[in-house]
Amino acid sequence: MRGYGDAQARQIFRDLIDMPADVNLTEKEVAISFHRRAHLPIILASELMERRIAVPWWNGLPLRLTTYNGPRNKPVT
């Protein structure tokens, strides 16, 4: 990624990892939902949002990055 060739771990953590998100682990995927106010320019520029990303060491379980859409309410029956 442009601008991170000489970056130290602290900068990479601050810019790419240390942000509010919810993690949802299912039998089919790991979904990371970034909170609405999260600052995501680098992740958005990567074009990885809403795509299933294969993670080899997770035994085929994919990663999906999304933005938070608010609480999911169950329909009233």
N, C-alpha and C. Protein backbone atom coordinates (compact mmCIF):
# COMPACT_ATOMS: atom_id res chain seq x y z
N MET A 1 0.84 -1.17 0.00
CA MET A 1 0.00 0.00 0.00
C MET A 1 0.89 1.24 0.00
N ARG A 2 0.52 2.15 -0.84
CA ARG A 2 1.28 3.38 -0.98
C ARG A 2 1.33 4.13 0.36
N GLY A 3 2.53 4.57 0.72
CA GLY A 3 2.70 5.34 1.94
C GLY A 3 3.05 4.53 3.17
N TYR A 4 3.07 3.21 3.06
CA TYR A 4 3.35 2.37 4.22
C TYR A 4 4.62 1.54 4.06
N GLY A 5 5.43 1.83 3.04
CA GLY A 5 6.65 1.07 2.82
C GLY A 5 7.63 1.15 3.96
N ASP A 6 7.70 2.30 4.61
CA ASP A 6 8.62 2.50 5.73
C ASP A 6 7.89 2.67 7.06
N ALA A 7 6.62 2.34 7.09
CA ALA A 7 5.81 2.57 8.29
C ALA A 7 6.20 1.62 9.41
N GLN A 8 6.09 2.12 10.62
CA GLN A 8 6.33 1.30 11.80
C GLN A 8 5.01 0.66 12.23
N ALA A 9 5.11 -0.39 13.02
CA ALA A 9 3.93 -1.13 13.47
C ALA A 9 2.91 -0.22 14.14
N ARG A 10 3.35 0.73 14.92
CA ARG A 10 2.44 1.64 15.63
C ARG A 10 1.57 2.42 14.64
N GLN A 11 2.16 2.92 13.55
CA GLN A 11 1.41 3.68 12.56
C GLN A 11 0.43 2.78 11.81
N ILE A 12 0.85 1.58 11.45
CA ILE A 12 -0.05 0.66 10.76
C ILE A 12 -1.23 0.29 11.64
N PHE A 13 -0.96 0.01 12.91
CA PHE A 13 -2.05 -0.31 13.84
C PHE A 13 -3.02 0.85 13.96
N ARG A 14 -2.51 2.06 14.15
CA ARG A 14 -3.36 3.24 14.33
C ARG A 14 -4.20 3.52 13.09
N ASP A 15 -3.61 3.39 11.90
CA ASP A 15 -4.30 3.77 10.67
C ASP A 15 -5.21 2.68 10.11
N LEU A 16 -4.91 1.42 10.35
CA LEU A 16 -5.65 0.35 9.70
C LEU A 16 -6.42 -0.57 10.63
N ILE A 17 -6.03 -0.67 11.87
CA ILE A 17 -6.64 -1.67 12.75
C ILE A 17 -7.42 -1.07 13.91
N ASP A 18 -6.92 -0.01 14.51
CA ASP A 18 -7.51 0.55 15.72
C ASP A 18 -8.71 1.43 15.38
N MET A 19 -9.85 0.79 15.09
CA MET A 19 -11.07 1.53 14.79
C MET A 19 -12.27 0.72 15.29
N PRO A 20 -13.35 1.41 15.62
CA PRO A 20 -14.51 0.69 16.15
C PRO A 20 -15.18 -0.18 15.10
N ALA A 21 -15.49 -1.42 15.49
CA ALA A 21 -16.15 -2.36 14.59
C ALA A 21 -16.78 -3.48 15.41
N ASP A 22 -17.74 -4.14 14.81
CA ASP A 22 -18.34 -5.34 15.39
C ASP A 22 -17.88 -6.53 14.58
N VAL A 23 -17.58 -7.63 15.26
CA VAL A 23 -17.14 -8.85 14.59
C VAL A 23 -18.23 -9.89 14.74
N ASN A 24 -18.66 -10.46 13.64
CA ASN A 24 -19.69 -11.49 13.65
C ASN A 24 -19.09 -12.76 13.05
N LEU A 25 -18.95 -13.78 13.85
CA LEU A 25 -18.37 -15.05 13.43
C LEU A 25 -19.48 -16.07 13.25
N THR A 26 -19.61 -16.60 12.02
CA THR A 26 -20.59 -17.64 11.74
C THR A 26 -19.85 -18.85 11.17
N GLU A 27 -20.59 -19.89 10.86
CA GLU A 27 -19.99 -21.07 10.25
C GLU A 27 -19.57 -20.80 8.81
N LYS A 28 -20.09 -19.73 8.20
CA LYS A 28 -19.80 -19.43 6.80
C LYS A 28 -18.77 -18.34 6.58
N GLU A 29 -18.60 -17.42 7.55
CA GLU A 29 -17.70 -16.30 7.34
C GLU A 29 -17.40 -15.57 8.64
N VAL A 30 -16.40 -14.70 8.56
CA VAL A 30 -16.12 -13.73 9.61
C VAL A 30 -16.44 -12.38 9.00
N ALA A 31 -17.41 -11.68 9.57
CA ALA A 31 -17.84 -10.38 9.05
C ALA A 31 -17.42 -9.28 10.03
N ILE A 32 -16.70 -8.30 9.52
CA ILE A 32 -16.30 -7.14 10.30
C ILE A 32 -17.17 -5.97 9.85
N SER A 33 -17.98 -5.42 10.74
CA SER A 33 -18.84 -4.29 10.43
C SER A 33 -18.27 -3.05 11.11
N PHE A 34 -17.66 -2.18 10.30
CA PHE A 34 -17.09 -0.95 10.85
C PHE A 34 -18.19 0.00 11.24
N HIS A 35 -18.03 0.65 12.37
CA HIS A 35 -19.02 1.60 12.84
C HIS A 35 -19.13 2.78 11.89
N ARG A 36 -20.28 3.39 11.90
CA ARG A 36 -20.60 4.47 10.98
C ARG A 36 -19.58 5.60 11.04
N ARG A 37 -19.05 5.89 12.19
CA ARG A 37 -18.13 7.01 12.35
C ARG A 37 -16.66 6.61 12.20
N ALA A 38 -16.40 5.37 11.85
CA ALA A 38 -15.02 4.93 11.66
C ALA A 38 -14.42 5.64 10.45
N HIS A 39 -13.16 5.98 10.54
CA HIS A 39 -12.44 6.66 9.44
C HIS A 39 -11.79 5.58 8.59
N LEU A 40 -12.31 5.35 7.37
CA LEU A 40 -11.93 4.20 6.56
C LEU A 40 -11.32 4.51 5.20
N PRO A 41 -10.66 5.62 4.96
CA PRO A 41 -10.25 5.92 3.58
C PRO A 41 -9.34 4.88 2.97
N ILE A 42 -8.43 4.31 3.73
CA ILE A 42 -7.50 3.33 3.18
C ILE A 42 -8.23 2.03 2.86
N ILE A 43 -9.12 1.60 3.75
CA ILE A 43 -9.87 0.37 3.53
C ILE A 43 -10.83 0.55 2.35
N LEU A 44 -11.49 1.71 2.27
CA LEU A 44 -12.38 1.97 1.15
C LEU A 44 -11.62 2.00 -0.17
N ALA A 45 -10.44 2.59 -0.18
CA ALA A 45 -9.63 2.66 -1.39
C ALA A 45 -9.12 1.28 -1.82
N SER A 46 -9.03 0.34 -0.89
CA SER A 46 -8.53 -1.00 -1.23
C SER A 46 -9.53 -1.81 -2.04
N GLU A 47 -10.76 -1.36 -2.12
CA GLU A 47 -11.84 -2.05 -2.83
C GLU A 47 -12.13 -3.44 -2.27
N LEU A 48 -11.89 -3.62 -0.98
CA LEU A 48 -12.16 -4.90 -0.33
C LEU A 48 -13.51 -4.93 0.38
N MET A 49 -14.19 -3.79 0.46
CA MET A 49 -15.47 -3.76 1.15
C MET A 49 -16.49 -4.62 0.42
N GLU A 50 -17.27 -5.36 1.20
CA GLU A 50 -18.35 -6.22 0.71
C GLU A 50 -17.88 -7.36 -0.18
N ARG A 51 -16.59 -7.65 -0.18
CA ARG A 51 -16.07 -8.80 -0.93
C ARG A 51 -15.65 -9.87 0.06
N ARG A 52 -15.82 -11.11 -0.31
CA ARG A 52 -15.37 -12.21 0.54
C ARG A 52 -13.90 -12.45 0.24
N ILE A 53 -13.08 -12.33 1.26
CA ILE A 53 -11.63 -12.43 1.13
C ILE A 53 -11.19 -13.77 1.73
N ALA A 54 -10.57 -14.59 0.93
CA ALA A 54 -10.11 -15.90 1.40
C ALA A 54 -8.95 -15.72 2.37
N VAL A 55 -9.04 -16.37 3.52
CA VAL A 55 -7.97 -16.35 4.53
C VAL A 55 -7.49 -17.79 4.69
N PRO A 56 -6.34 -18.11 4.09
CA PRO A 56 -5.88 -19.51 4.05
C PRO A 56 -5.77 -20.19 5.42
N TRP A 57 -5.32 -19.49 6.44
CA TRP A 57 -5.12 -20.13 7.74
C TRP A 57 -6.41 -20.25 8.55
N TRP A 58 -7.55 -19.85 7.97
CA TRP A 58 -8.85 -20.04 8.62
C TRP A 58 -9.59 -21.22 8.01
N ASN A 59 -8.89 -22.14 7.39
CA ASN A 59 -9.48 -23.34 6.79
C ASN A 59 -10.63 -23.03 5.84
N GLY A 60 -10.42 -22.04 4.97
CA GLY A 60 -11.41 -21.69 3.96
C GLY A 60 -12.48 -20.72 4.41
N LEU A 61 -12.49 -20.32 5.65
CA LEU A 61 -13.49 -19.37 6.14
C LEU A 61 -13.12 -17.97 5.61
N PRO A 62 -14.02 -17.31 4.87
CA PRO A 62 -13.69 -16.01 4.31
C PRO A 62 -13.94 -14.86 5.29
N LEU A 63 -13.32 -13.75 4.99
CA LEU A 63 -13.48 -12.50 5.73
C LEU A 63 -14.28 -11.55 4.85
N ARG A 64 -15.26 -10.86 5.45
CA ARG A 64 -16.05 -9.87 4.71
C ARG A 64 -16.07 -8.58 5.53
N LEU A 65 -15.66 -7.48 4.89
CA LEU A 65 -15.64 -6.17 5.53
C LEU A 65 -16.87 -5.40 5.08
N THR A 66 -17.60 -4.83 6.05
CA THR A 66 -18.81 -4.07 5.73
C THR A 66 -18.84 -2.80 6.58
N THR A 67 -19.78 -1.94 6.27
CA THR A 67 -20.03 -0.79 7.13
C THR A 67 -21.27 -1.08 7.95
N TYR A 68 -21.33 -0.50 9.11
CA TYR A 68 -22.42 -0.75 10.05
C TYR A 68 -23.71 -0.11 9.55
N ASN A 69 -24.77 -0.89 9.49
CA ASN A 69 -26.06 -0.40 9.00
C ASN A 69 -27.09 -0.25 10.11
N GLY A 70 -26.66 -0.23 11.34
CA GLY A 70 -27.60 -0.11 12.45
C GLY A 70 -28.07 -1.47 12.94
N PRO A 71 -28.79 -1.49 14.05
CA PRO A 71 -29.25 -2.77 14.60
C PRO A 71 -30.23 -3.44 13.65
N ARG A 72 -30.12 -4.74 13.59
CA ARG A 72 -31.05 -5.51 12.75
C ARG A 72 -32.20 -5.97 13.61
N ASN A 73 -33.35 -5.44 13.33
CA ASN A 73 -34.55 -5.81 14.08
C ASN A 73 -35.25 -6.98 13.40
N LYS A 74 -35.69 -7.91 14.20
CA LYS A 74 -36.45 -9.02 13.66
C LYS A 74 -37.86 -8.53 13.30
N PRO A 75 -38.42 -9.01 12.19
CA PRO A 75 -39.78 -8.59 11.83
C PRO A 75 -40.78 -9.10 12.86
N VAL A 76 -41.79 -8.29 13.12
CA VAL A 76 -42.82 -8.66 14.07
C VAL A 76 -43.82 -9.56 13.36
N THR A 77 -44.11 -10.70 13.97
CA THR A 77 -45.06 -11.65 13.36
C THR A 77 -46.30 -11.78 14.20
